């Protein structure tokens, strides 16, 4: 169930905004690895915080 929801969420930008996705991909390609790692770490940290917050709210 969760994997299906993840696939739906991942597909929304490609379906709804293909031009913007292409521009974003070009921007990502131009970033240095160090900056990409920092962005990735930040996204993971926000995801973990959201998971913990929602878990606490639901329990």
C-alpha atoms as a PDB file:
ATOM      1  CA  UNK A   1       0.000   0.000   0.000  1.00  0.00           C
ATOM      2  CA  UNK A   2       2.711   2.474   0.990  1.00  0.00           C
ATOM      3  CA  UNK A   3       4.810   1.567  -2.049  1.00  0.00           C
ATOM      4  CA  UNK A   4       1.837   2.216  -4.318  1.00  0.00           C
ATOM      5  CA  UNK A   5       1.284   5.612  -2.692  1.00  0.00           C
ATOM      6  CA  UNK A   6       4.972   6.402  -3.171  1.00  0.00           C
ATOM      7  CA  UNK A   7       4.769   5.554  -6.874  1.00  0.00           C
ATOM      8  CA  UNK A   8       1.709   7.785  -7.304  1.00  0.00           C
ATOM      9  CA  UNK A   9       3.488  10.683  -5.574  1.00  0.00           C
ATOM     10  CA  UNK A  10       6.615  10.162  -7.667  1.00  0.00           C
ATOM     11  CA  UNK A  11       4.631  10.080 -10.900  1.00  0.00           C
ATOM     12  CA  UNK A  12       2.668  13.307 -10.355  1.00  0.00           C
ATOM     13  CA  UNK A  13       5.436  15.720 -11.456  1.00  0.00           C
ATOM     14  CA  UNK A  14       6.268  13.680 -14.572  1.00  0.00           C
ATOM     15  CA  UNK A  15       2.617  13.535 -15.603  1.00  0.00           C
ATOM     16  CA  UNK A  16       1.607  17.072 -14.663  1.00  0.00           C
ATOM     17  CA  UNK A  17       4.746  19.104 -15.295  1.00  0.00           C
ATOM     18  CA  UNK A  18       7.076  17.316 -17.743  1.00  0.00           C
ATOM     19  CA  UNK A  19       8.775  20.527 -18.929  1.00  0.00           C
ATOM     20  CA  UNK A  20       9.583  21.592 -15.364  1.00  0.00           C
ATOM     21  CA  UNK A  21      10.945  18.111 -14.589  1.00  0.00           C
ATOM     22  CA  UNK A  22      13.314  18.358 -17.563  1.00  0.00           C
ATOM     23  CA  UNK A  23      14.507  21.791 -16.391  1.00  0.00           C
ATOM     24  CA  UNK A  24      14.989  20.477 -12.858  1.00  0.00           C
ATOM     25  CA  UNK A  25      16.942  17.475 -14.158  1.00  0.00           C
ATOM     26  CA  UNK A  26      19.256  19.804 -16.077  1.00  0.00           C
ATOM     27  CA  UNK A  27      19.762  21.910 -12.932  1.00  0.00           C
ATOM     28  CA  UNK A  28      20.523  18.806 -10.838  1.00  0.00           C
ATOM     29  CA  UNK A  29      23.024  17.602 -13.436  1.00  0.00           C
ATOM     30  CA  UNK A  30      24.965  20.866 -13.117  1.00  0.00           C
ATOM     31  CA  UNK A  31      25.327  20.698  -9.308  1.00  0.00           C
ATOM     32  CA  UNK A  32      28.589  19.620  -7.704  1.00  0.00           C
ATOM     33  CA  UNK A  33      28.472  16.307  -5.812  1.00  0.00           C
ATOM     34  CA  UNK A  34      29.059  17.964  -2.437  1.00  0.00           C
ATOM     35  CA  UNK A  35      25.999  20.183  -2.871  1.00  0.00           C
ATOM     36  CA  UNK A  36      23.903  17.244  -4.093  1.00  0.00           C
ATOM     37  CA  UNK A  37      24.846  15.259  -0.997  1.00  0.00           C
ATOM     38  CA  UNK A  38      23.895  18.192   1.237  1.00  0.00           C
ATOM     39  CA  UNK A  39      20.520  18.530  -0.487  1.00  0.00           C
ATOM     40  CA  UNK A  40      19.936  14.773  -0.245  1.00  0.00           C
ATOM     41  CA  UNK A  41      20.808  14.761   3.446  1.00  0.00           C
ATOM     42  CA  UNK A  42      18.432  17.663   4.071  1.00  0.00           C
ATOM     43  CA  UNK A  43      15.595  15.924   2.245  1.00  0.00           C
ATOM     44  CA  UNK A  44      16.168  12.709   4.220  1.00  0.00           C
ATOM     45  CA  UNK A  45      16.248  14.656   7.505  1.00  0.00           C
ATOM     46  CA  UNK A  46      12.953  16.384   6.706  1.00  0.00           C
ATOM     47  CA  UNK A  47      11.437  13.020   5.761  1.00  0.00           C
ATOM     48  CA  UNK A  48      12.500  11.441   9.044  1.00  0.00           C
ATOM     49  CA  UNK A  49      11.122  14.374  11.038  1.00  0.00           C
ATOM     50  CA  UNK A  50       7.799  14.120   9.175  1.00  0.00           C
ATOM     51  CA  UNK A  51       7.574  10.377   9.769  1.00  0.00           C
ATOM     52  CA  UNK A  52       8.259  10.798  13.492  1.00  0.00           C
ATOM     53  CA  UNK A  53       5.822  13.703  13.815  1.00  0.00           C
ATOM     54  CA  UNK A  54       3.018  11.845  12.044  1.00  0.00           C
ATOM     55  CA  UNK A  55       3.715   8.708  14.071  1.00  0.00           C
ATOM     56  CA  UNK A  56       3.417  10.711  17.298  1.00  0.00           C
ATOM     57  CA  UNK A  57       0.216  12.411  16.137  1.00  0.00           C
ATOM     58  CA  UNK A  58      -1.409   9.124  15.179  1.00  0.00           C
ATOM     59  CA  UNK A  59      -0.501   7.286  18.370  1.00  0.00           C
END
